[in-house]
Amino acid sequence: MKQITVIEVETLLNKGKNLNIIDVREADEIAAGKIPSAVNIPLSLVEFRMHELDKSKEYIMVCRSGARSGRATQILEDYGFNVINMTGGMLAWEGKVE
């Protein structure tokens, strides 16, 4: 499984890089703040909503600590998607939130 740190993600965003970020937390967790431009697809719905994703794009998976996003990364990898797990999750995130 490919991984990326919160610092690497924040650096890429600060450089203006357009990232495809999927936050797999539940709606009540998202309400407390998410990375700007992140799309919310709760882990429980990843398999049902994967048809919304493009296999030619790279996705960064995010959750609270990195565990659920790791599971989501594995699920999507098994279906042939190019995905990276953000280690540390939102607990480690110090960048902007919306």
C-alpha atoms as a PDB file:
ATOM      1  CA  MET A   1       0.000   0.000   0.000  1.00  0.00           C
ATOM      2  CA  LYS A   2       1.323   3.401  -0.977  1.00  0.00           C
ATOM      3  CA  GLN A   3       1.416   5.995   1.778  1.00  0.00           C
ATOM      4  CA  ILE A   4       1.877   9.752   2.033  1.00  0.00           C
ATOM      5  CA  THR A   5       2.394  11.908   5.117  1.00  0.00           C
ATOM      6  CA  VAL A   6       0.232  14.838   6.165  1.00  0.00           C
ATOM      7  CA  ILE A   7       3.242  17.110   5.638  1.00  0.00           C
ATOM      8  CA  GLU A   8       3.655  15.898   2.047  1.00  0.00           C
ATOM      9  CA  VAL A   9      -0.052  16.455   1.331  1.00  0.00           C
ATOM     10  CA  GLU A  10      -0.006  19.928   2.867  1.00  0.00           C
ATOM     11  CA  THR A  11       3.140  20.832   0.903  1.00  0.00           C
ATOM     12  CA  LEU A  12       1.548  19.722  -2.377  1.00  0.00           C
ATOM     13  CA  LEU A  13      -1.625  21.717  -1.628  1.00  0.00           C
ATOM     14  CA  ASN A  14       0.402  24.806  -0.699  1.00  0.00           C
ATOM     15  CA  LYS A  15       2.197  24.544  -4.059  1.00  0.00           C
ATOM     16  CA  GLY A  16      -1.190  24.657  -5.794  1.00  0.00           C
ATOM     17  CA  LYS A  17      -1.233  20.982  -6.763  1.00  0.00           C
ATOM     18  CA  ASN A  18      -4.737  19.741  -7.556  1.00  0.00           C
ATOM     19  CA  LEU A  19      -5.167  16.627  -5.410  1.00  0.00           C
ATOM     20  CA  ASN A  20      -8.059  14.181  -5.407  1.00  0.00           C
ATOM     21  CA  ILE A  21      -8.664  13.677  -1.694  1.00  0.00           C
ATOM     22  CA  ILE A  22     -11.347  11.344  -0.364  1.00  0.00           C
ATOM     23  CA  ASP A  23     -12.244  11.605   3.310  1.00  0.00           C
ATOM     24  CA  VAL A  24     -13.774   8.325   4.516  1.00  0.00           C
ATOM     25  CA  ARG A  25     -14.969   9.611   7.893  1.00  0.00           C
ATOM     26  CA  GLU A  26     -18.653   9.766   8.821  1.00  0.00           C
ATOM     27  CA  ALA A  27     -20.686  12.949   8.236  1.00  0.00           C
ATOM     28  CA  ASP A  28     -20.610  13.996  11.905  1.00  0.00           C
ATOM     29  CA  GLU A  29     -16.798  13.809  11.879  1.00  0.00           C
ATOM     30  CA  ILE A  30     -16.625  15.839   8.654  1.00  0.00           C
ATOM     31  CA  ALA A  31     -18.715  18.549  10.324  1.00  0.00           C
ATOM     32  CA  ALA A  32     -15.766  19.210  12.656  1.00  0.00           C
ATOM     33  CA  GLY A  33     -13.616  20.097   9.635  1.00  0.00           C
ATOM     34  CA  LYS A  34     -12.090  18.553   6.543  1.00  0.00           C
ATOM     35  CA  ILE A  35      -9.257  19.305   4.164  1.00  0.00           C
ATOM     36  CA  PRO A  36     -10.470  21.879   1.608  1.00  0.00           C
ATOM     37  CA  SER A  37     -11.543  20.184  -1.662  1.00  0.00           C
ATOM     38  CA  ALA A  38     -11.789  16.738  -0.023  1.00  0.00           C
ATOM     39  CA  VAL A  39     -14.806  14.683  -1.066  1.00  0.00           C
ATOM     40  CA  ASN A  40     -16.607  12.738   1.656  1.00  0.00           C
ATOM     41  CA  ILE A  41     -17.304   9.066   0.938  1.00  0.00           C
ATOM     42  CA  PRO A  42     -17.745   7.234   4.267  1.00  0.00           C
ATOM     43  CA  LEU A  43     -15.839   3.945   4.468  1.00  0.00           C
ATOM     44  CA  SER A  44     -19.120   2.008   4.638  1.00  0.00           C
ATOM     45  CA  LEU A  45     -20.093   3.423   1.215  1.00  0.00           C
ATOM     46  CA  VAL A  46     -16.758   3.156  -0.635  1.00  0.00           C
ATOM     47  CA  GLU A  47     -17.666  -0.031  -2.519  1.00  0.00           C
ATOM     48  CA  PHE A  48     -21.115   1.335  -3.410  1.00  0.00           C
ATOM     49  CA  ARG A  49     -19.759   4.667  -4.693  1.00  0.00           C
ATOM     50  CA  MET A  50     -16.546   3.589  -6.421  1.00  0.00           C
ATOM     51  CA  HIS A  51     -18.338   4.001  -9.767  1.00  0.00           C
ATOM     52  CA  GLU A  52     -18.036   7.775  -9.126  1.00  0.00           C
ATOM     53  CA  LEU A  53     -14.223   7.500  -9.218  1.00  0.00           C
ATOM     54  CA  ASP A  54     -11.937   7.555 -12.257  1.00  0.00           C
ATOM     55  CA  LYS A  55      -9.328   4.785 -12.454  1.00  0.00           C
ATOM     56  CA  SER A  56      -7.025   7.092 -14.438  1.00  0.00           C
ATOM     57  CA  LYS A  57      -6.733   9.478 -11.465  1.00  0.00           C
ATOM     58  CA  GLU A  58      -4.752   9.177  -8.247  1.00  0.00           C
ATOM     59  CA  TYR A  59      -6.674   9.465  -4.972  1.00  0.00           C
ATOM     60  CA  ILE A  60      -5.428  10.260  -1.476  1.00  0.00           C
ATOM     61  CA  MET A  61      -7.487   8.581   1.215  1.00  0.00           C
ATOM     62  CA  VAL A  62      -7.994  10.360   4.564  1.00  0.00           C
ATOM     63  CA  CYS A  63      -9.700   9.509   7.857  1.00  0.00           C
ATOM     64  CA  ARG A  64      -9.292  10.396  11.540  1.00  0.00           C
ATOM     65  CA  SER A  65      -6.123   8.405  12.273  1.00  0.00           C
ATOM     66  CA  GLY A  66      -5.190   6.518   9.106  1.00  0.00           C
ATOM     67  CA  ALA A  67      -6.782   3.149   9.898  1.00  0.00           C
ATOM     68  CA  ARG A  68     -10.098   3.488   8.023  1.00  0.00           C
ATOM     69  CA  SER A  69      -8.391   5.218   5.111  1.00  0.00           C
ATOM     70  CA  GLY A  70      -5.975   2.284   5.028  1.00  0.00           C
ATOM     71  CA  ARG A  71      -8.905  -0.111   4.691  1.00  0.00           C
ATOM     72  CA  ALA A  72     -10.443   2.081   1.984  1.00  0.00           C
ATOM     73  CA  THR A  73      -7.094   2.190   0.178  1.00  0.00           C
ATOM     74  CA  GLN A  74      -6.903  -1.610   0.207  1.00  0.00           C
ATOM     75  CA  ILE A  75     -10.480  -1.977  -1.044  1.00  0.00           C
ATOM     76  CA  LEU A  76      -9.927   0.428  -3.940  1.00  0.00           C
ATOM     77  CA  GLU A  77      -6.511  -1.061  -4.789  1.00  0.00           C
ATOM     78  CA  ASP A  78      -8.206  -4.458  -5.072  1.00  0.00           C
ATOM     79  CA  TYR A  79     -10.489  -2.942  -7.734  1.00  0.00           C
ATOM     80  CA  GLY A  80      -7.572  -1.440  -9.663  1.00  0.00           C
ATOM     81  CA  PHE A  81      -7.658   2.165  -8.447  1.00  0.00           C
ATOM     82  CA  ASN A  82      -4.502   4.251  -7.925  1.00  0.00           C
ATOM     83  CA  VAL A  83      -4.801   5.207  -4.244  1.00  0.00           C
ATOM     84  CA  ILE A  84      -2.521   6.426  -1.467  1.00  0.00           C
ATOM     85  CA  ASN A  85      -3.216   6.331   2.275  1.00  0.00           C
ATOM     86  CA  MET A  86      -2.492   9.540   4.218  1.00  0.00           C
ATOM     87  CA  THR A  87      -0.773   8.343   7.391  1.00  0.00           C
ATOM     88  CA  GLY A  88      -1.720   9.956  10.690  1.00  0.00           C
ATOM     89  CA  GLY A  89      -5.068  11.143   9.372  1.00  0.00           C
ATOM     90  CA  MET A  90      -6.785  14.292  10.533  1.00  0.00           C
ATOM     91  CA  LEU A  91      -5.327  13.855  14.028  1.00  0.00           C
ATOM     92  CA  ALA A  92      -1.945  14.741  12.518  1.00  0.00           C
ATOM     93  CA  TRP A  93      -3.247  17.348  10.052  1.00  0.00           C
ATOM     94  CA  GLU A  94      -2.137  20.899  10.846  1.00  0.00           C
ATOM     95  CA  GLY A  95      -3.138  22.510   7.543  1.00  0.00           C
ATOM     96  CA  LYS A  96      -6.259  24.402   6.579  1.00  0.00           C
ATOM     97  CA  VAL A  97      -9.689  22.913   7.200  1.00  0.00           C
ATOM     98  CA  GLU A  98     -13.149  23.903   6.069  1.00  0.00           C
END
